[in-house]
């Protein structure tokens, strides 16, 4: 150590951190999704937390294959409140669905809920046998029609329930099987893009 200099006190950064419980939106119940250290609450806003659907609901081992993403919106005391940011199927699960002699049909489109939440939705379908381009286009067209009609009528909470639950996948399957045999079809990924602000009503000025 150089002469004339005293050793400074080493600051314990972990002691300065605050531990908070990350709470999911009410749609997912009250089960916490994480316990994280926070040194600056403002910087923690926007942080994305990942977990599986099984971590929250714990009702079906198949829920391990669904990853959920939540974004911290605000921190009150030792509770960090979050919003649904999106979900996706685990890559290992998707690879297990691949079979020889069948076709994979993927589709990506944007949809908006009735309360203004815009999501980018990726769907995937595995047919029972190989299909041509025309059939693939028909499947994509049906997917777009089903999701557009349903999502436009749903609030954010209803949309989330349809995505992580069986509803959307079941509706897609019942419609596409009318065209071609589908072994598996699902909304494999969602991502929240924007939240549109409610339109302000314009008040007309009284006529003079």
N, C-alpha and C. Protein backbone atom coordinates (compact mmCIF):
# COMPACT_ATOMS: atom_id res chain seq x y z
N UNK A 1 0.85 -1.19 0.00
CA UNK A 1 0.00 0.00 0.00
C UNK A 1 0.88 1.24 0.00
N UNK A 2 0.63 2.23 -0.88
CA UNK A 2 1.45 3.46 -0.92
C UNK A 2 1.40 4.19 0.41
N UNK A 3 2.56 4.79 0.78
CA UNK A 3 2.61 5.51 2.04
C UNK A 3 1.72 6.76 1.98
N UNK A 4 1.15 7.09 3.10
CA UNK A 4 0.35 8.29 3.20
C UNK A 4 -1.10 8.09 2.83
N UNK A 5 -1.48 6.86 2.38
CA UNK A 5 -2.87 6.59 2.01
C UNK A 5 -3.46 5.55 2.95
N UNK A 6 -4.63 5.83 3.41
CA UNK A 6 -5.32 4.91 4.31
C UNK A 6 -6.31 4.05 3.51
N UNK A 7 -6.43 2.84 3.95
CA UNK A 7 -7.37 1.94 3.28
C UNK A 7 -8.79 2.43 3.48
N UNK A 8 -9.54 2.60 2.36
CA UNK A 8 -10.93 3.02 2.46
C UNK A 8 -11.83 1.88 2.87
N UNK A 9 -12.95 2.21 3.42
CA UNK A 9 -13.90 1.20 3.86
C UNK A 9 -14.64 0.63 2.64
N UNK A 10 -14.65 -0.67 2.53
CA UNK A 10 -15.32 -1.33 1.41
C UNK A 10 -16.83 -1.31 1.67
N UNK A 11 -17.55 -0.77 0.69
CA UNK A 11 -19.00 -0.65 0.83
C UNK A 11 -19.68 -1.96 0.45
N UNK A 12 -20.51 -2.45 1.33
CA UNK A 12 -21.24 -3.69 1.06
C UNK A 12 -22.50 -3.34 0.27
N UNK A 13 -22.43 -3.58 -1.05
CA UNK A 13 -23.55 -3.21 -1.92
C UNK A 13 -24.80 -4.01 -1.61
N UNK A 14 -24.65 -5.27 -1.17
CA UNK A 14 -25.82 -6.08 -0.88
C UNK A 14 -26.60 -5.54 0.32
N UNK A 15 -25.89 -4.90 1.26
CA UNK A 15 -26.58 -4.32 2.41
C UNK A 15 -27.46 -3.14 1.99
N UNK A 16 -27.07 -2.48 0.90
CA UNK A 16 -27.82 -1.32 0.43
C UNK A 16 -29.05 -1.70 -0.39
N UNK A 17 -29.14 -2.96 -0.77
CA UNK A 17 -30.26 -3.39 -1.60
C UNK A 17 -31.50 -3.69 -0.76
N UNK A 18 -32.64 -3.49 -1.41
CA UNK A 18 -33.93 -3.75 -0.79
C UNK A 18 -34.56 -4.95 -1.49
N UNK A 19 -35.03 -5.91 -0.73
CA UNK A 19 -35.64 -7.09 -1.32
C UNK A 19 -37.15 -6.89 -1.42
N UNK A 20 -37.68 -7.17 -2.61
CA UNK A 20 -39.12 -7.00 -2.82
C UNK A 20 -39.73 -8.27 -3.39
N UNK A 21 -41.00 -8.46 -3.11
CA UNK A 21 -41.76 -9.60 -3.65
C UNK A 21 -42.46 -9.15 -4.92
N UNK A 22 -42.24 -9.88 -6.01
CA UNK A 22 -42.88 -9.54 -7.29
C UNK A 22 -44.23 -10.23 -7.37
N UNK A 23 -45.27 -9.43 -7.51
CA UNK A 23 -46.63 -9.93 -7.54
C UNK A 23 -47.17 -9.89 -8.97
N UNK A 24 -47.80 -10.97 -9.44
CA UNK A 24 -48.36 -10.98 -10.80
C UNK A 24 -49.68 -10.23 -10.85
N UNK A 25 -50.23 -9.97 -12.03
CA UNK A 25 -51.56 -9.36 -12.13
C UNK A 25 -52.61 -10.25 -11.47
N UNK A 26 -53.73 -9.67 -11.10
CA UNK A 26 -54.77 -10.42 -10.38
C UNK A 26 -55.27 -11.62 -11.16
N UNK A 27 -55.14 -11.60 -12.48
CA UNK A 27 -55.57 -12.72 -13.32
C UNK A 27 -54.91 -14.02 -12.91
N UNK A 28 -53.68 -13.94 -12.41
CA UNK A 28 -52.91 -15.13 -12.06
C UNK A 28 -53.00 -15.47 -10.58
N UNK A 29 -53.82 -14.76 -9.82
CA UNK A 29 -53.95 -15.06 -8.41
C UNK A 29 -52.97 -14.27 -7.56
N UNK A 30 -52.69 -14.79 -6.38
CA UNK A 30 -51.85 -14.07 -5.42
C UNK A 30 -50.49 -14.72 -5.19
N UNK A 31 -50.19 -15.80 -5.90
CA UNK A 31 -48.91 -16.49 -5.73
C UNK A 31 -47.77 -15.61 -6.26
N UNK A 32 -46.79 -15.21 -5.43
CA UNK A 32 -45.66 -14.39 -5.90
C UNK A 32 -44.88 -15.10 -6.99
N UNK A 33 -44.28 -14.33 -7.89
CA UNK A 33 -43.51 -14.92 -8.98
C UNK A 33 -42.01 -14.71 -8.81
N UNK A 34 -41.61 -14.02 -7.74
CA UNK A 34 -40.19 -13.80 -7.54
C UNK A 34 -39.89 -12.97 -6.30
N UNK A 35 -38.64 -13.03 -5.87
CA UNK A 35 -38.16 -12.26 -4.72
C UNK A 35 -36.81 -11.71 -5.14
N UNK A 36 -36.75 -10.42 -5.44
CA UNK A 36 -35.57 -9.86 -6.08
C UNK A 36 -34.99 -8.69 -5.28
N UNK A 37 -33.66 -8.47 -5.42
CA UNK A 37 -33.03 -7.32 -4.76
C UNK A 37 -33.16 -6.07 -5.63
N UNK A 38 -33.41 -4.93 -4.99
CA UNK A 38 -33.56 -3.67 -5.72
C UNK A 38 -32.72 -2.61 -5.01
N UNK A 39 -31.83 -1.97 -5.74
CA UNK A 39 -31.01 -0.90 -5.16
C UNK A 39 -31.61 0.47 -5.45
N UNK A 40 -32.37 0.56 -6.55
CA UNK A 40 -33.01 1.82 -6.94
C UNK A 40 -34.38 1.48 -7.50
N UNK A 41 -35.44 1.92 -6.82
CA UNK A 41 -36.79 1.58 -7.25
C UNK A 41 -37.11 2.09 -8.64
N UNK A 42 -36.63 3.28 -8.97
CA UNK A 42 -36.91 3.85 -10.29
C UNK A 42 -36.29 3.00 -11.39
N UNK A 43 -35.07 2.52 -11.16
CA UNK A 43 -34.40 1.70 -12.16
C UNK A 43 -35.02 0.31 -12.26
N UNK A 44 -35.70 -0.12 -11.21
CA UNK A 44 -36.34 -1.44 -11.23
C UNK A 44 -37.61 -1.45 -12.06
N UNK A 45 -38.23 -0.27 -12.23
CA UNK A 45 -39.44 -0.18 -13.05
C UNK A 45 -39.10 -0.56 -14.49
N UNK A 46 -39.86 -1.47 -15.04
CA UNK A 46 -39.59 -1.94 -16.40
C UNK A 46 -38.83 -3.25 -16.46
N UNK A 47 -38.30 -3.69 -15.34
CA UNK A 47 -37.56 -4.96 -15.30
C UNK A 47 -38.51 -6.12 -15.58
N UNK A 48 -38.06 -7.09 -16.37
CA UNK A 48 -38.90 -8.23 -16.75
C UNK A 48 -38.50 -9.47 -15.95
N UNK A 49 -39.51 -10.11 -15.38
CA UNK A 49 -39.32 -11.32 -14.57
C UNK A 49 -39.89 -12.51 -15.32
N UNK A 50 -39.16 -13.61 -15.35
CA UNK A 50 -39.59 -14.81 -16.06
C UNK A 50 -39.92 -15.93 -15.08
N UNK A 51 -40.97 -16.67 -15.38
CA UNK A 51 -41.31 -17.87 -14.61
C UNK A 51 -42.12 -18.79 -15.52
N UNK A 52 -42.52 -19.94 -15.03
CA UNK A 52 -43.38 -20.83 -15.81
C UNK A 52 -44.80 -20.77 -15.25
N UNK A 53 -45.74 -21.21 -16.05
CA UNK A 53 -47.13 -21.23 -15.59
C UNK A 53 -47.29 -22.17 -14.40
N UNK A 54 -46.49 -23.23 -14.36
CA UNK A 54 -46.56 -24.17 -13.24
C UNK A 54 -46.10 -23.51 -11.94
N UNK A 55 -45.15 -22.58 -12.02
CA UNK A 55 -44.68 -21.90 -10.82
C UNK A 55 -45.82 -21.16 -10.12
N UNK A 56 -46.83 -20.76 -10.89
CA UNK A 56 -47.93 -19.98 -10.33
C UNK A 56 -49.14 -20.86 -9.99
N UNK A 57 -49.56 -21.68 -10.95
CA UNK A 57 -50.80 -22.44 -10.77
C UNK A 57 -50.58 -23.83 -10.18
N UNK A 58 -49.48 -24.49 -10.58
CA UNK A 58 -49.13 -25.80 -10.02
C UNK A 58 -50.27 -26.81 -10.12
N UNK A 59 -50.94 -26.85 -11.26
CA UNK A 59 -52.06 -27.78 -11.42
C UNK A 59 -51.79 -28.88 -12.45
N UNK A 60 -50.82 -28.66 -13.36
CA UNK A 60 -50.57 -29.62 -14.43
C UNK A 60 -49.08 -29.56 -14.80
N UNK A 61 -48.37 -30.70 -14.79
CA UNK A 61 -46.95 -30.70 -15.15
C UNK A 61 -46.69 -30.12 -16.53
N UNK A 62 -47.68 -30.19 -17.42
CA UNK A 62 -47.53 -29.64 -18.77
C UNK A 62 -47.31 -28.12 -18.73
N UNK A 63 -47.69 -27.48 -17.63
CA UNK A 63 -47.53 -26.04 -17.48
C UNK A 63 -46.06 -25.64 -17.40
N UNK A 64 -45.17 -26.61 -17.19
CA UNK A 64 -43.73 -26.31 -17.19
C UNK A 64 -43.27 -25.84 -18.56
N UNK A 65 -44.01 -26.20 -19.61
CA UNK A 65 -43.60 -25.87 -20.98
C UNK A 65 -43.98 -24.45 -21.38
N UNK A 66 -44.72 -23.74 -20.53
CA UNK A 66 -45.16 -22.39 -20.86
C UNK A 66 -44.41 -21.37 -20.00
N UNK A 67 -43.61 -20.55 -20.66
CA UNK A 67 -42.87 -19.49 -19.96
C UNK A 67 -43.70 -18.21 -19.96
N UNK A 68 -43.72 -17.54 -18.82
CA UNK A 68 -44.45 -16.28 -18.68
C UNK A 68 -43.48 -15.15 -18.40
N UNK A 69 -43.80 -13.97 -18.92
CA UNK A 69 -42.96 -12.79 -18.70
C UNK A 69 -43.81 -11.67 -18.11
N UNK A 70 -43.32 -11.11 -17.01
CA UNK A 70 -44.02 -10.02 -16.34
C UNK A 70 -43.08 -8.83 -16.20
N UNK A 71 -43.62 -7.63 -16.38
CA UNK A 71 -42.82 -6.41 -16.30
C UNK A 71 -43.26 -5.59 -15.09
N UNK A 72 -42.29 -5.19 -14.26
CA UNK A 72 -42.59 -4.42 -13.06
C UNK A 72 -43.10 -3.03 -13.45
N UNK A 73 -44.26 -2.67 -12.90
CA UNK A 73 -44.88 -1.37 -13.18
C UNK A 73 -44.63 -0.36 -12.07
N UNK A 74 -44.71 -0.82 -10.83
CA UNK A 74 -44.55 0.08 -9.69
C UNK A 74 -44.16 -0.73 -8.46
N UNK A 75 -43.56 -0.05 -7.48
CA UNK A 75 -43.17 -0.70 -6.23
C UNK A 75 -43.80 0.06 -5.07
N UNK A 76 -44.52 -0.66 -4.26
CA UNK A 76 -45.17 -0.08 -3.07
C UNK A 76 -44.69 -0.86 -1.86
N UNK A 77 -43.89 -0.21 -1.03
CA UNK A 77 -43.33 -0.89 0.14
C UNK A 77 -42.39 -1.99 -0.32
N UNK A 78 -42.67 -3.23 0.09
CA UNK A 78 -41.83 -4.36 -0.34
C UNK A 78 -42.54 -5.22 -1.38
N UNK A 79 -43.54 -4.64 -2.05
CA UNK A 79 -44.28 -5.35 -3.09
C UNK A 79 -44.03 -4.67 -4.44
N UNK A 80 -43.61 -5.46 -5.43
CA UNK A 80 -43.44 -4.97 -6.80
C UNK A 80 -44.60 -5.48 -7.63
N UNK A 81 -45.43 -4.58 -8.13
CA UNK A 81 -46.59 -4.96 -8.93
C UNK A 81 -46.17 -5.04 -10.40
N UNK A 82 -46.67 -6.05 -11.09
CA UNK A 82 -46.24 -6.26 -12.48
C UNK A 82 -47.43 -6.41 -13.41
N UNK A 83 -47.13 -6.32 -14.71
CA UNK A 83 -48.14 -6.54 -15.75
C UNK A 83 -47.69 -7.67 -16.66
N UNK A 84 -48.64 -8.28 -17.33
CA UNK A 84 -48.34 -9.37 -18.26
C UNK A 84 -47.64 -8.80 -19.49
N UNK A 85 -46.45 -9.31 -19.77
CA UNK A 85 -45.65 -8.83 -20.90
C UNK A 85 -45.71 -9.78 -22.08
N UNK A 86 -45.98 -11.05 -21.82
CA UNK A 86 -46.07 -12.03 -22.89
C UNK A 86 -45.78 -13.44 -22.39
N UNK A 87 -45.80 -14.38 -23.32
CA UNK A 87 -45.52 -15.77 -22.97
C UNK A 87 -44.92 -16.46 -24.18
N UNK A 88 -44.38 -17.65 -23.97
CA UNK A 88 -43.93 -18.47 -25.09
C UNK A 88 -43.77 -19.91 -24.65
N UNK A 89 -43.88 -20.82 -25.62
CA UNK A 89 -43.64 -22.24 -25.35
C UNK A 89 -42.13 -22.47 -25.25
N UNK A 90 -41.73 -23.38 -24.39
CA UNK A 90 -40.32 -23.75 -24.28
C UNK A 90 -39.87 -24.39 -25.59
N UNK A 91 -38.66 -24.05 -26.04
CA UNK A 91 -38.15 -24.57 -27.31
C UNK A 91 -38.05 -26.09 -27.30
N UNK A 92 -37.72 -26.67 -26.15
CA UNK A 92 -37.61 -28.12 -26.06
C UNK A 92 -38.95 -28.78 -26.36
N UNK A 93 -40.04 -28.16 -25.89
CA UNK A 93 -41.37 -28.71 -26.13
C UNK A 93 -41.73 -28.64 -27.61
N UNK A 94 -41.42 -27.51 -28.25
CA UNK A 94 -41.73 -27.36 -29.67
C UNK A 94 -40.94 -28.37 -30.52
N UNK A 95 -39.69 -28.60 -30.16
CA UNK A 95 -38.89 -29.57 -30.90
C UNK A 95 -39.46 -30.98 -30.78
N UNK A 96 -40.08 -31.27 -29.64
CA UNK A 96 -40.64 -32.61 -29.42
C UNK A 96 -41.87 -32.87 -30.30
N UNK A 97 -42.44 -31.81 -30.85
CA UNK A 97 -43.65 -31.96 -31.67
C UNK A 97 -43.33 -32.24 -33.14
N UNK A 98 -42.08 -32.06 -33.53
CA UNK A 98 -41.69 -32.24 -34.93
C UNK A 98 -41.72 -33.73 -35.30
N UNK A 99 -42.37 -34.04 -36.44
CA UNK A 99 -42.46 -35.41 -36.94
C UNK A 99 -42.16 -35.43 -38.43
N UNK A 100 -41.61 -36.52 -38.88
CA UNK A 100 -41.39 -36.69 -40.31
C UNK A 100 -42.73 -36.91 -41.01
N UNK A 101 -42.81 -36.43 -42.25
CA UNK A 101 -44.02 -36.65 -43.03
C UNK A 101 -45.14 -35.68 -42.73
N UNK A 102 -44.86 -34.64 -41.94
CA UNK A 102 -45.87 -33.63 -41.64
C UNK A 102 -45.31 -32.25 -41.97
N UNK A 103 -46.19 -31.28 -42.02
CA UNK A 103 -45.78 -29.90 -42.32
C UNK A 103 -45.92 -29.02 -41.09
N UNK A 104 -45.03 -28.05 -40.99
CA UNK A 104 -45.09 -27.04 -39.94
C UNK A 104 -45.59 -25.74 -40.57
N UNK A 105 -46.63 -25.17 -39.97
CA UNK A 105 -47.19 -23.91 -40.47
C UNK A 105 -47.09 -22.87 -39.38
N UNK A 106 -46.31 -21.82 -39.63
CA UNK A 106 -46.16 -20.75 -38.64
C UNK A 106 -46.82 -19.47 -39.16
N UNK A 107 -47.23 -18.64 -38.22
CA UNK A 107 -47.93 -17.41 -38.60
C UNK A 107 -47.72 -16.36 -37.51
N UNK A 108 -47.50 -15.10 -37.91
CA UNK A 108 -47.32 -14.00 -36.96
C UNK A 108 -48.20 -12.84 -37.39
N UNK A 109 -48.92 -12.28 -36.42
CA UNK A 109 -49.78 -11.13 -36.72
C UNK A 109 -50.02 -10.33 -35.44
N UNK A 110 -50.45 -9.08 -35.59
CA UNK A 110 -50.75 -8.22 -34.45
C UNK A 110 -52.25 -8.14 -34.22
N UNK A 111 -52.65 -8.17 -32.95
CA UNK A 111 -54.06 -8.10 -32.58
C UNK A 111 -54.23 -7.15 -31.41
N UNK A 112 -55.42 -6.54 -31.30
CA UNK A 112 -55.68 -5.57 -30.24
C UNK A 112 -56.91 -5.97 -29.45
N UNK A 113 -56.81 -5.94 -28.12
CA UNK A 113 -57.94 -6.28 -27.26
C UNK A 113 -58.94 -5.13 -27.23
N UNK A 114 -60.10 -5.40 -26.66
CA UNK A 114 -61.16 -4.39 -26.63
C UNK A 114 -60.77 -3.18 -25.78
N UNK A 115 -59.84 -3.36 -24.82
CA UNK A 115 -59.41 -2.22 -24.00
C UNK A 115 -58.07 -1.65 -24.45
N UNK A 116 -57.68 -1.94 -25.70
CA UNK A 116 -56.57 -1.23 -26.32
C UNK A 116 -55.17 -1.80 -26.16
N UNK A 117 -55.03 -3.04 -25.71
CA UNK A 117 -53.70 -3.65 -25.59
C UNK A 117 -53.36 -4.37 -26.90
N UNK A 118 -52.26 -3.98 -27.51
CA UNK A 118 -51.84 -4.55 -28.78
C UNK A 118 -50.75 -5.60 -28.56
N UNK A 119 -50.99 -6.81 -29.06
CA UNK A 119 -50.06 -7.91 -28.90
C UNK A 119 -49.61 -8.44 -30.26
N UNK A 120 -48.35 -8.86 -30.32
CA UNK A 120 -47.86 -9.61 -31.47
C UNK A 120 -47.96 -11.09 -31.12
N UNK A 121 -48.69 -11.82 -31.93
CA UNK A 121 -48.99 -13.21 -31.62
C UNK A 121 -48.41 -14.14 -32.69
N UNK A 122 -47.66 -15.12 -32.24
CA UNK A 122 -47.09 -16.14 -33.12
C UNK A 122 -47.81 -17.46 -32.88
N UNK A 123 -48.30 -18.06 -33.94
CA UNK A 123 -48.97 -19.35 -33.83
C UNK A 123 -48.17 -20.39 -34.60
N UNK A 124 -48.40 -21.64 -34.26
CA UNK A 124 -47.71 -22.73 -34.93
C UNK A 124 -48.66 -23.91 -35.05
N UNK A 125 -48.60 -24.59 -36.19
CA UNK A 125 -49.45 -25.74 -36.42
C UNK A 125 -48.62 -26.87 -37.03
N UNK A 126 -48.89 -28.10 -36.59
CA UNK A 126 -48.25 -29.29 -37.13
C UNK A 126 -49.35 -30.17 -37.74
N UNK A 127 -49.26 -30.40 -39.04
CA UNK A 127 -50.28 -31.20 -39.71
C UNK A 127 -49.97 -32.69 -39.58
N UNK A 128 -50.99 -33.51 -39.86
CA UNK A 128 -50.80 -34.96 -39.77
C UNK A 128 -50.04 -35.52 -40.97
N UNK A 129 -50.09 -34.80 -42.09
CA UNK A 129 -49.34 -35.20 -43.28
C UNK A 129 -48.88 -33.93 -43.99
N UNK A 130 -48.03 -34.07 -44.95
CA UNK A 130 -47.52 -32.91 -45.67
C UNK A 130 -48.65 -32.23 -46.46
N UNK A 131 -48.63 -30.91 -46.45
CA UNK A 131 -49.64 -30.15 -47.19
C UNK A 131 -48.95 -29.16 -48.11
N UNK A 132 -49.66 -28.74 -49.16
CA UNK A 132 -49.08 -27.81 -50.12
C UNK A 132 -49.23 -26.36 -49.65
N UNK A 133 -48.70 -25.43 -50.43
CA UNK A 133 -48.72 -24.01 -50.07
C UNK A 133 -50.14 -23.48 -49.93
N UNK A 134 -51.03 -23.94 -50.79
CA UNK A 134 -52.42 -23.49 -50.75
C UNK A 134 -53.08 -23.83 -49.42
N UNK A 135 -52.87 -25.06 -48.94
CA UNK A 135 -53.43 -25.47 -47.66
C UNK A 135 -52.83 -24.66 -46.51
N UNK A 136 -51.54 -24.39 -46.58
CA UNK A 136 -50.89 -23.60 -45.54
C UNK A 136 -51.49 -22.19 -45.47
N UNK A 137 -51.74 -21.62 -46.64
CA UNK A 137 -52.35 -20.29 -46.68
C UNK A 137 -53.75 -20.31 -46.09
N UNK A 138 -54.50 -21.37 -46.34
CA UNK A 138 -55.85 -21.49 -45.78
C UNK A 138 -55.80 -21.59 -44.26
N UNK A 139 -54.82 -22.34 -43.75
CA UNK A 139 -54.67 -22.48 -42.29
C UNK A 139 -54.35 -21.11 -41.67
N UNK A 140 -53.44 -20.38 -42.30
CA UNK A 140 -53.08 -19.05 -41.79
C UNK A 140 -54.28 -18.11 -41.83
N UNK A 141 -55.08 -18.21 -42.88
CA UNK A 141 -56.26 -17.35 -43.00
C UNK A 141 -57.27 -17.65 -41.89
N UNK A 142 -57.45 -18.92 -41.58
CA UNK A 142 -58.38 -19.30 -40.51
C UNK A 142 -57.86 -18.81 -39.17
N UNK A 143 -56.56 -18.96 -38.93
CA UNK A 143 -55.97 -18.49 -37.67
C UNK A 143 -56.23 -16.99 -37.49
N UNK A 144 -56.00 -16.22 -38.55
CA UNK A 144 -56.20 -14.77 -38.48
C UNK A 144 -57.65 -14.43 -38.18
N UNK A 145 -58.58 -15.11 -38.85
CA UNK A 145 -60.01 -14.83 -38.66
C UNK A 145 -60.45 -15.16 -37.24
N UNK A 146 -60.03 -16.32 -36.74
CA UNK A 146 -60.44 -16.75 -35.39
C UNK A 146 -59.90 -15.79 -34.33
N UNK A 147 -58.61 -15.49 -34.40
CA UNK A 147 -58.01 -14.64 -33.37
C UNK A 147 -58.51 -13.19 -33.47
N UNK A 148 -58.70 -12.68 -34.67
CA UNK A 148 -59.20 -11.31 -34.83
C UNK A 148 -60.60 -11.18 -34.23
N UNK A 149 -61.48 -12.13 -34.55
CA UNK A 149 -62.85 -12.07 -34.05
C UNK A 149 -62.92 -12.21 -32.53
N UNK A 150 -62.08 -13.08 -31.97
CA UNK A 150 -62.15 -13.33 -30.53
C UNK A 150 -61.46 -12.24 -29.72
N UNK A 151 -60.24 -11.90 -30.10
CA UNK A 151 -59.45 -10.97 -29.28
C UNK A 151 -60.05 -9.58 -29.26
N UNK A 152 -60.65 -9.14 -30.36
CA UNK A 152 -61.23 -7.80 -30.41
C UNK A 152 -62.38 -7.62 -29.43
N UNK A 153 -62.94 -8.73 -28.93
CA UNK A 153 -64.07 -8.67 -27.99
C UNK A 153 -63.63 -8.85 -26.54
N UNK A 154 -62.35 -9.14 -26.32
CA UNK A 154 -61.87 -9.48 -24.98
C UNK A 154 -61.10 -8.34 -24.32
N UNK A 155 -61.22 -8.26 -23.01
CA UNK A 155 -60.37 -7.35 -22.24
C UNK A 155 -59.01 -8.01 -22.06
N UNK A 156 -58.06 -7.28 -21.51
CA UNK A 156 -56.72 -7.84 -21.30
C UNK A 156 -56.78 -9.09 -20.44
N UNK A 157 -57.51 -9.06 -19.33
CA UNK A 157 -57.58 -10.22 -18.43
C UNK A 157 -58.17 -11.43 -19.15
N UNK A 158 -59.22 -11.21 -19.93
CA UNK A 158 -59.85 -12.31 -20.66
C UNK A 158 -58.90 -12.86 -21.72
N UNK A 159 -58.15 -11.96 -22.36
CA UNK A 159 -57.17 -12.38 -23.37
C UNK A 159 -56.10 -13.26 -22.74
N UNK A 160 -55.57 -12.85 -21.59
CA UNK A 160 -54.52 -13.62 -20.92
C UNK A 160 -55.02 -15.00 -20.56
N UNK A 161 -56.24 -15.10 -20.06
CA UNK A 161 -56.81 -16.39 -19.71
C UNK A 161 -56.94 -17.29 -20.93
N UNK A 162 -57.30 -16.69 -22.07
CA UNK A 162 -57.43 -17.47 -23.30
C UNK A 162 -56.11 -17.94 -23.83
N UNK A 163 -55.06 -17.14 -23.63
CA UNK A 163 -53.73 -17.47 -24.14
C UNK A 163 -53.06 -18.58 -23.32
N UNK A 164 -53.03 -18.43 -22.01
CA UNK A 164 -52.33 -19.41 -21.18
C UNK A 164 -53.21 -20.62 -20.88
N UNK A 165 -54.51 -20.47 -21.06
CA UNK A 165 -55.43 -21.58 -20.89
C UNK A 165 -55.66 -22.30 -22.22
N UNK A 166 -56.62 -23.23 -22.27
CA UNK A 166 -56.83 -24.03 -23.48
C UNK A 166 -57.75 -23.40 -24.53
N UNK A 167 -58.41 -22.28 -24.22
CA UNK A 167 -59.46 -21.76 -25.09
C UNK A 167 -59.00 -21.47 -26.51
N UNK A 168 -58.00 -20.61 -26.69
CA UNK A 168 -57.58 -20.23 -28.03
C UNK A 168 -57.12 -21.44 -28.83
N UNK A 169 -56.33 -22.29 -28.22
CA UNK A 169 -55.81 -23.46 -28.93
C UNK A 169 -56.94 -24.40 -29.36
N UNK A 170 -57.94 -24.56 -28.49
CA UNK A 170 -59.08 -25.43 -28.82
C UNK A 170 -59.91 -24.84 -29.96
N UNK A 171 -60.12 -23.53 -29.93
CA UNK A 171 -60.90 -22.88 -30.98
C UNK A 171 -60.18 -22.96 -32.33
N UNK A 172 -58.86 -22.75 -32.31
CA UNK A 172 -58.08 -22.84 -33.54
C UNK A 172 -58.12 -24.26 -34.11
N UNK A 173 -58.04 -25.24 -33.24
CA UNK A 173 -58.04 -26.63 -33.70
C UNK A 173 -59.38 -27.01 -34.31
N UNK A 174 -60.47 -26.58 -33.68
CA UNK A 174 -61.80 -26.95 -34.18
C UNK A 174 -62.08 -26.36 -35.56
N UNK A 175 -61.49 -25.21 -35.85
CA UNK A 175 -61.71 -24.57 -37.14
C UNK A 175 -60.77 -25.10 -38.22
N UNK A 176 -59.51 -25.31 -37.89
CA UNK A 176 -58.56 -25.76 -38.90
C UNK A 176 -58.77 -27.22 -39.30
N UNK A 177 -59.28 -28.04 -38.41
CA UNK A 177 -59.46 -29.45 -38.75
C UNK A 177 -60.53 -29.64 -39.82
N UNK A 178 -61.33 -28.60 -40.07
CA UNK A 178 -62.31 -28.67 -41.15
C UNK A 178 -61.63 -28.63 -42.52
N UNK A 179 -60.41 -28.11 -42.55
CA UNK A 179 -59.66 -27.98 -43.80
C UNK A 179 -58.67 -29.12 -43.98
N UNK A 180 -57.93 -29.43 -42.92
CA UNK A 180 -56.86 -30.44 -43.00
C UNK A 180 -56.65 -31.03 -41.61
N UNK A 181 -56.17 -32.25 -41.56
CA UNK A 181 -55.89 -32.86 -40.28
C UNK A 181 -54.73 -32.16 -39.58
N UNK A 182 -54.98 -31.63 -38.40
CA UNK A 182 -53.97 -30.91 -37.63
C UNK A 182 -53.64 -31.71 -36.37
N UNK A 183 -52.38 -32.06 -36.23
CA UNK A 183 -51.94 -32.83 -35.06
C UNK A 183 -51.82 -31.95 -33.83
N UNK A 184 -51.34 -30.72 -34.02
CA UNK A 184 -51.20 -29.78 -32.89
C UNK A 184 -51.21 -28.36 -33.44
N UNK A 185 -51.95 -27.48 -32.77
CA UNK A 185 -51.96 -26.07 -33.15
C UNK A 185 -52.05 -25.25 -31.88
N UNK A 186 -51.29 -24.16 -31.82
CA UNK A 186 -51.26 -23.38 -30.57
C UNK A 186 -50.74 -21.98 -30.80
N UNK A 187 -51.12 -21.09 -29.87
CA UNK A 187 -50.49 -19.78 -29.78
C UNK A 187 -49.20 -20.00 -29.03
N UNK A 188 -48.09 -20.00 -29.75
CA UNK A 188 -46.82 -20.39 -29.13
C UNK A 188 -46.10 -19.22 -28.46
N UNK A 189 -46.45 -17.97 -28.85
CA UNK A 189 -45.75 -16.82 -28.28
C UNK A 189 -46.61 -15.56 -28.40
N UNK A 190 -46.57 -14.75 -27.36
CA UNK A 190 -47.22 -13.44 -27.39
C UNK A 190 -46.25 -12.40 -26.85
N UNK A 191 -46.40 -11.18 -27.32
CA UNK A 191 -45.55 -10.08 -26.84
C UNK A 191 -46.37 -8.80 -26.83
N UNK A 192 -46.45 -8.15 -25.67
CA UNK A 192 -47.16 -6.89 -25.56
C UNK A 192 -46.38 -5.80 -26.29
N UNK A 193 -47.05 -5.12 -27.23
CA UNK A 193 -46.41 -4.07 -28.00
C UNK A 193 -46.72 -2.68 -27.45
N UNK A 194 -47.99 -2.34 -27.37
CA UNK A 194 -48.39 -1.01 -26.91
C UNK A 194 -49.70 -1.08 -26.15
N UNK A 195 -49.96 -0.04 -25.41
CA UNK A 195 -51.25 0.16 -24.75
C UNK A 195 -51.77 1.51 -25.22
N UNK A 196 -52.82 1.48 -26.02
CA UNK A 196 -53.36 2.73 -26.55
C UNK A 196 -54.11 3.48 -25.46
N UNK A 197 -53.95 4.78 -25.44
CA UNK A 197 -54.63 5.62 -24.47
C UNK A 197 -56.09 5.79 -24.90
N UNK A 198 -57.01 5.83 -23.94
CA UNK A 198 -58.41 6.03 -24.30
C UNK A 198 -58.62 7.38 -24.96
N UNK A 199 -59.47 7.38 -25.97
CA UNK A 199 -59.73 8.62 -26.69
C UNK A 199 -60.53 9.60 -25.84
N UNK A 200 -60.13 10.85 -25.89
CA UNK A 200 -60.83 11.88 -25.13
C UNK A 200 -62.02 12.38 -25.93
N UNK A 201 -63.12 12.56 -25.24
CA UNK A 201 -64.31 13.06 -25.90
C UNK A 201 -64.17 14.55 -26.16
N UNK A 202 -64.46 14.93 -27.37
CA UNK A 202 -64.38 16.33 -27.73
C UNK A 202 -65.71 17.01 -27.45
N UNK A 203 -65.64 18.07 -26.67
CA UNK A 203 -66.85 18.82 -26.30
C UNK A 203 -67.00 19.99 -27.27
N UNK A 204 -68.11 19.99 -27.95
CA UNK A 204 -68.35 21.06 -28.92
C UNK A 204 -68.69 22.36 -28.19
N UNK A 205 -68.11 23.42 -28.68
CA UNK A 205 -68.38 24.74 -28.09
C UNK A 205 -69.80 25.16 -28.43
N UNK A 206 -70.53 25.75 -27.47
CA UNK A 206 -71.90 26.19 -27.75
C UNK A 206 -71.94 27.23 -28.85
N UNK A 207 -72.91 27.09 -29.72
CA UNK A 207 -73.05 28.06 -30.81
C UNK A 207 -73.53 29.39 -30.29
N UNK A 208 -72.95 30.41 -30.85
CA UNK A 208 -73.33 31.78 -30.44
C UNK A 208 -74.63 32.21 -31.12
